[in-house]
Amino acid sequence: MSGADEKPYRSIREVSESLGVKAHVLRYWETQFPMLRPRKSRSGVRMYRPKDLELLQEIRQLLYQRGFTIAGARRKLLAERRPMDEATSAEGAPVRVEAPLLREIRKELKALRAMLEAPPIRGRR
C-alpha cells in the first residue's frame, strides 16, 4: 500500500481487501481504538488516509500475528502514541507513566471492586 499507487483516501472496501479483513471488522475496530478515526464524506462514507492504513496494519498485526486481545492492543497503542505524564516511584524517583492507560486501569479496577462488593446472587429454588 505504498509507492506510486498512494492515494490520499481509500474506501472501506479498498482497505478491507488490502488488509484481508471484512468491512464490519474495520467498523468494529473504530469503536475499540479511539485513535482510529477515518474521515467521512457528507454522505457518511468512510475515507481512510495513509496514516489510518498504517494504524490498521499495526492493529491487525497485534491482533492476528502477535495474539493481543482488543484491550491489550488498545493499551499498547495508547501507550505508544500518548505523551507520558510524570509520577513518582515508591522511592520518590520520577517515573514516566501513561495517563490514559492509568485512567483505563483505574476504571477496570473500580468495576472489579464493584463486582466484589456486590451482594452475592442467591440461586433460585
C-alpha atoms as a PDB file:
ATOM      1  CA  MET A   1       0.000   0.000   0.000  1.00  0.00           C
ATOM      2  CA  SER A   2       2.807   2.347  -0.660  1.00  0.00           C
ATOM      3  CA  GLY A   3       4.575   3.660  -3.676  1.00  0.00           C
ATOM      4  CA  ALA A   4       3.113   5.035  -6.884  1.00  0.00           C
ATOM      5  CA  ASP A   5      -0.458   3.953  -6.156  1.00  0.00           C
ATOM      6  CA  GLU A   6      -0.553   6.016  -2.933  1.00  0.00           C
ATOM      7  CA  LYS A   7      -3.896   7.821  -2.927  1.00  0.00           C
ATOM      8  CA  PRO A   8      -4.904  10.477  -0.415  1.00  0.00           C
ATOM      9  CA  TYR A   9      -8.012   8.491   0.567  1.00  0.00           C
ATOM     10  CA  ARG A  10      -9.189   4.904   0.225  1.00  0.00           C
ATOM     11  CA  SER A  11     -12.669   3.495   0.651  1.00  0.00           C
ATOM     12  CA  ILE A  12     -13.522   0.919   3.286  1.00  0.00           C
ATOM     13  CA  ARG A  13     -13.840  -1.667   0.506  1.00  0.00           C
ATOM     14  CA  GLU A  14     -10.288  -0.969  -0.723  1.00  0.00           C
ATOM     15  CA  VAL A  15      -8.875  -1.077   2.795  1.00  0.00           C
ATOM     16  CA  SER A  16     -10.821  -4.223   3.632  1.00  0.00           C
ATOM     17  CA  GLU A  17      -9.475  -6.007   0.554  1.00  0.00           C
ATOM     18  CA  SER A  18      -5.880  -4.874   1.055  1.00  0.00           C
ATOM     19  CA  LEU A  19      -5.798  -5.934   4.724  1.00  0.00           C
ATOM     20  CA  GLY A  20      -7.781  -9.129   4.229  1.00  0.00           C
ATOM     21  CA  VAL A  21     -10.279  -8.045   6.878  1.00  0.00           C
ATOM     22  CA  LYS A  22     -14.043  -7.710   6.436  1.00  0.00           C
ATOM     23  CA  ALA A  23     -15.501  -4.192   6.408  1.00  0.00           C
ATOM     24  CA  HIS A  24     -17.583  -4.873   9.524  1.00  0.00           C
ATOM     25  CA  VAL A  25     -14.362  -5.703  11.391  1.00  0.00           C
ATOM     26  CA  LEU A  26     -12.899  -2.323  10.407  1.00  0.00           C
ATOM     27  CA  ARG A  27     -16.047  -0.581  11.639  1.00  0.00           C
ATOM     28  CA  TYR A  28     -15.825  -2.508  14.923  1.00  0.00           C
ATOM     29  CA  TRP A  29     -12.177  -1.546  15.368  1.00  0.00           C
ATOM     30  CA  GLU A  30     -13.230   2.111  15.083  1.00  0.00           C
ATOM     31  CA  THR A  31     -15.349   1.611  18.206  1.00  0.00           C
ATOM     32  CA  GLN A  32     -12.496  -0.062  20.096  1.00  0.00           C
ATOM     33  CA  PHE A  33      -9.490   2.064  19.144  1.00  0.00           C
ATOM     34  CA  PRO A  34     -10.050   5.765  19.881  1.00  0.00           C
ATOM     35  CA  MET A  35      -7.073   6.791  17.763  1.00  0.00           C
ATOM     36  CA  LEU A  36      -8.685   5.271  14.651  1.00  0.00           C
ATOM     37  CA  ARG A  37     -10.970   7.908  13.152  1.00  0.00           C
ATOM     38  CA  PRO A  38     -11.225   7.816   9.358  1.00  0.00           C
ATOM     39  CA  ARG A  39     -12.730  10.833   7.694  1.00  0.00           C
ATOM     40  CA  LYS A  40     -16.292  10.573   6.494  1.00  0.00           C
ATOM     41  CA  SER A  41     -17.817  12.215   3.462  1.00  0.00           C
ATOM     42  CA  ARG A  42     -21.018  14.216   3.732  1.00  0.00           C
ATOM     43  CA  SER A  43     -22.910  11.048   2.899  1.00  0.00           C
ATOM     44  CA  GLY A  44     -21.116   9.155   5.705  1.00  0.00           C
ATOM     45  CA  VAL A  45     -18.754   7.112   3.520  1.00  0.00           C
ATOM     46  CA  ARG A  46     -15.518   6.300   5.358  1.00  0.00           C
ATOM     47  CA  MET A  47     -12.381   7.531   3.673  1.00  0.00           C
ATOM     48  CA  TYR A  48      -9.106   6.186   5.060  1.00  0.00           C
ATOM     49  CA  ARG A  49      -5.898   8.244   4.891  1.00  0.00           C
ATOM     50  CA  PRO A  50      -2.420   6.694   4.669  1.00  0.00           C
ATOM     51  CA  LYS A  51      -1.911   7.218   8.428  1.00  0.00           C
ATOM     52  CA  ASP A  52      -5.195   5.337   9.063  1.00  0.00           C
ATOM     53  CA  LEU A  53      -3.897   2.475   6.921  1.00  0.00           C
ATOM     54  CA  GLU A  54      -0.650   2.314   8.902  1.00  0.00           C
ATOM     55  CA  LEU A  55      -2.610   2.176  12.145  1.00  0.00           C
ATOM     56  CA  LEU A  56      -4.939  -0.516  10.776  1.00  0.00           C
ATOM     57  CA  GLN A  57      -1.945  -2.600   9.693  1.00  0.00           C
ATOM     58  CA  GLU A  58      -0.492  -2.265  13.185  1.00  0.00           C
ATOM     59  CA  ILE A  59      -3.812  -3.228  14.806  1.00  0.00           C
ATOM     60  CA  ARG A  60      -4.134  -6.233  12.503  1.00  0.00           C
ATOM     61  CA  GLN A  61      -0.595  -7.359  13.326  1.00  0.00           C
ATOM     62  CA  LEU A  62      -1.151  -7.004  17.086  1.00  0.00           C
ATOM     63  CA  LEU A  63      -4.417  -8.933  16.989  1.00  0.00           C
ATOM     64  CA  TYR A  64      -3.741 -11.599  14.383  1.00  0.00           C
ATOM     65  CA  GLN A  65       0.027 -12.193  14.367  1.00  0.00           C
ATOM     66  CA  ARG A  66       1.021 -11.306  17.940  1.00  0.00           C
ATOM     67  CA  GLY A  67      -2.135 -12.612  19.647  1.00  0.00           C
ATOM     68  CA  PHE A  68      -3.074  -9.476  21.592  1.00  0.00           C
ATOM     69  CA  THR A  69      -6.608  -9.042  22.886  1.00  0.00           C
ATOM     70  CA  ILE A  70      -8.507  -5.939  21.782  1.00  0.00           C
ATOM     71  CA  ALA A  71      -7.939  -4.349  25.212  1.00  0.00           C
ATOM     72  CA  GLY A  72      -4.259  -5.276  25.189  1.00  0.00           C
ATOM     73  CA  ALA A  73      -3.720  -3.901  21.692  1.00  0.00           C
ATOM     74  CA  ARG A  74      -5.570  -0.699  22.640  1.00  0.00           C
ATOM     75  CA  ARG A  75      -3.379  -0.245  25.744  1.00  0.00           C
ATOM     76  CA  LYS A  76      -0.202  -0.847  23.744  1.00  0.00           C
ATOM     77  CA  LEU A  77      -1.180   1.623  21.027  1.00  0.00           C
ATOM     78  CA  LEU A  78      -2.264   4.252  23.555  1.00  0.00           C
ATOM     79  CA  ALA A  79       1.000   3.853  25.450  1.00  0.00           C
ATOM     80  CA  GLU A  80       3.000   4.328  22.245  1.00  0.00           C
ATOM     81  CA  ARG A  81       1.037   7.326  20.968  1.00  0.00           C
ATOM     82  CA  ARG A  82       0.242   9.460  24.019  1.00  0.00           C
ATOM     83  CA  PRO A  83       2.628  11.764  25.836  1.00  0.00           C
ATOM     84  CA  MET A  84       3.775  10.494  29.180  1.00  0.00           C
ATOM     85  CA  ASP A  85       2.973  12.188  32.496  1.00  0.00           C
ATOM     86  CA  GLU A  86       5.392  12.488  35.373  1.00  0.00           C
ATOM     87  CA  ALA A  87       4.784  10.465  38.516  1.00  0.00           C
ATOM     88  CA  THR A  88       6.981   9.273  41.367  1.00  0.00           C
ATOM     89  CA  SER A  89       8.001   5.766  42.313  1.00  0.00           C
ATOM     90  CA  ALA A  90       7.889   4.358  45.838  1.00  0.00           C
ATOM     91  CA  GLU A  91      11.471   5.575  46.253  1.00  0.00           C
ATOM     92  CA  GLY A  92      10.473   9.105  45.180  1.00  0.00           C
ATOM     93  CA  ALA A  93      12.257   8.955  41.831  1.00  0.00           C
ATOM     94  CA  PRO A  94      10.416  10.396  38.817  1.00  0.00           C
ATOM     95  CA  VAL A  95       8.745   7.775  36.652  1.00  0.00           C
ATOM     96  CA  ARG A  96       7.051   8.343  33.312  1.00  0.00           C
ATOM     97  CA  VAL A  97       3.507   6.984  33.382  1.00  0.00           C
ATOM     98  CA  GLU A  98       0.917   6.915  30.588  1.00  0.00           C
ATOM     99  CA  ALA A  99      -2.062   8.968  31.876  1.00  0.00           C
ATOM    100  CA  PRO A 100      -4.787   7.462  29.605  1.00  0.00           C
ATOM    101  CA  LEU A 101      -3.531   3.982  30.459  1.00  0.00           C
ATOM    102  CA  LEU A 102      -3.789   4.790  34.168  1.00  0.00           C
ATOM    103  CA  ARG A 103      -7.345   6.037  33.676  1.00  0.00           C
ATOM    104  CA  GLU A 104      -8.274   2.800  31.892  1.00  0.00           C
ATOM    105  CA  ILE A 105      -6.679   0.668  34.607  1.00  0.00           C
ATOM    106  CA  ARG A 106      -8.410   2.715  37.308  1.00  0.00           C
ATOM    107  CA  LYS A 107     -11.759   2.240  35.544  1.00  0.00           C
ATOM    108  CA  GLU A 108     -11.222  -1.524  35.303  1.00  0.00           C
ATOM    109  CA  LEU A 109     -10.238  -1.709  38.982  1.00  0.00           C
ATOM    110  CA  LYS A 110     -13.351   0.229  40.023  1.00  0.00           C
ATOM    111  CA  ALA A 111     -15.527  -2.179  38.042  1.00  0.00           C
ATOM    112  CA  LEU A 112     -13.833  -5.172  39.683  1.00  0.00           C
ATOM    113  CA  ARG A 113     -14.246  -3.606  43.120  1.00  0.00           C
ATOM    114  CA  ALA A 114     -17.949  -3.015  42.483  1.00  0.00           C
ATOM    115  CA  MET A 115     -18.353  -6.652  41.460  1.00  0.00           C
ATOM    116  CA  LEU A 116     -16.568  -7.850  44.594  1.00  0.00           C
ATOM    117  CA  GLU A 117     -18.575  -5.567  46.879  1.00  0.00           C
ATOM    118  CA  ALA A 118     -21.934  -6.509  45.353  1.00  0.00           C
ATOM    119  CA  PRO A 119     -24.072  -8.849  47.452  1.00  0.00           C
ATOM    120  CA  PRO A 120     -23.899 -12.478  46.335  1.00  0.00           C
ATOM    121  CA  ILE A 121     -26.604 -13.676  43.978  1.00  0.00           C
ATOM    122  CA  ARG A 122     -28.626 -16.429  45.550  1.00  0.00           C
ATOM    123  CA  GLY A 123     -29.820 -19.349  43.433  1.00  0.00           C
ATOM    124  CA  ARG A 124     -33.491 -19.879  42.660  1.00  0.00           C
ATOM    125  CA  ARG A 125     -35.464 -22.574  44.416  1.00  0.00           C
END
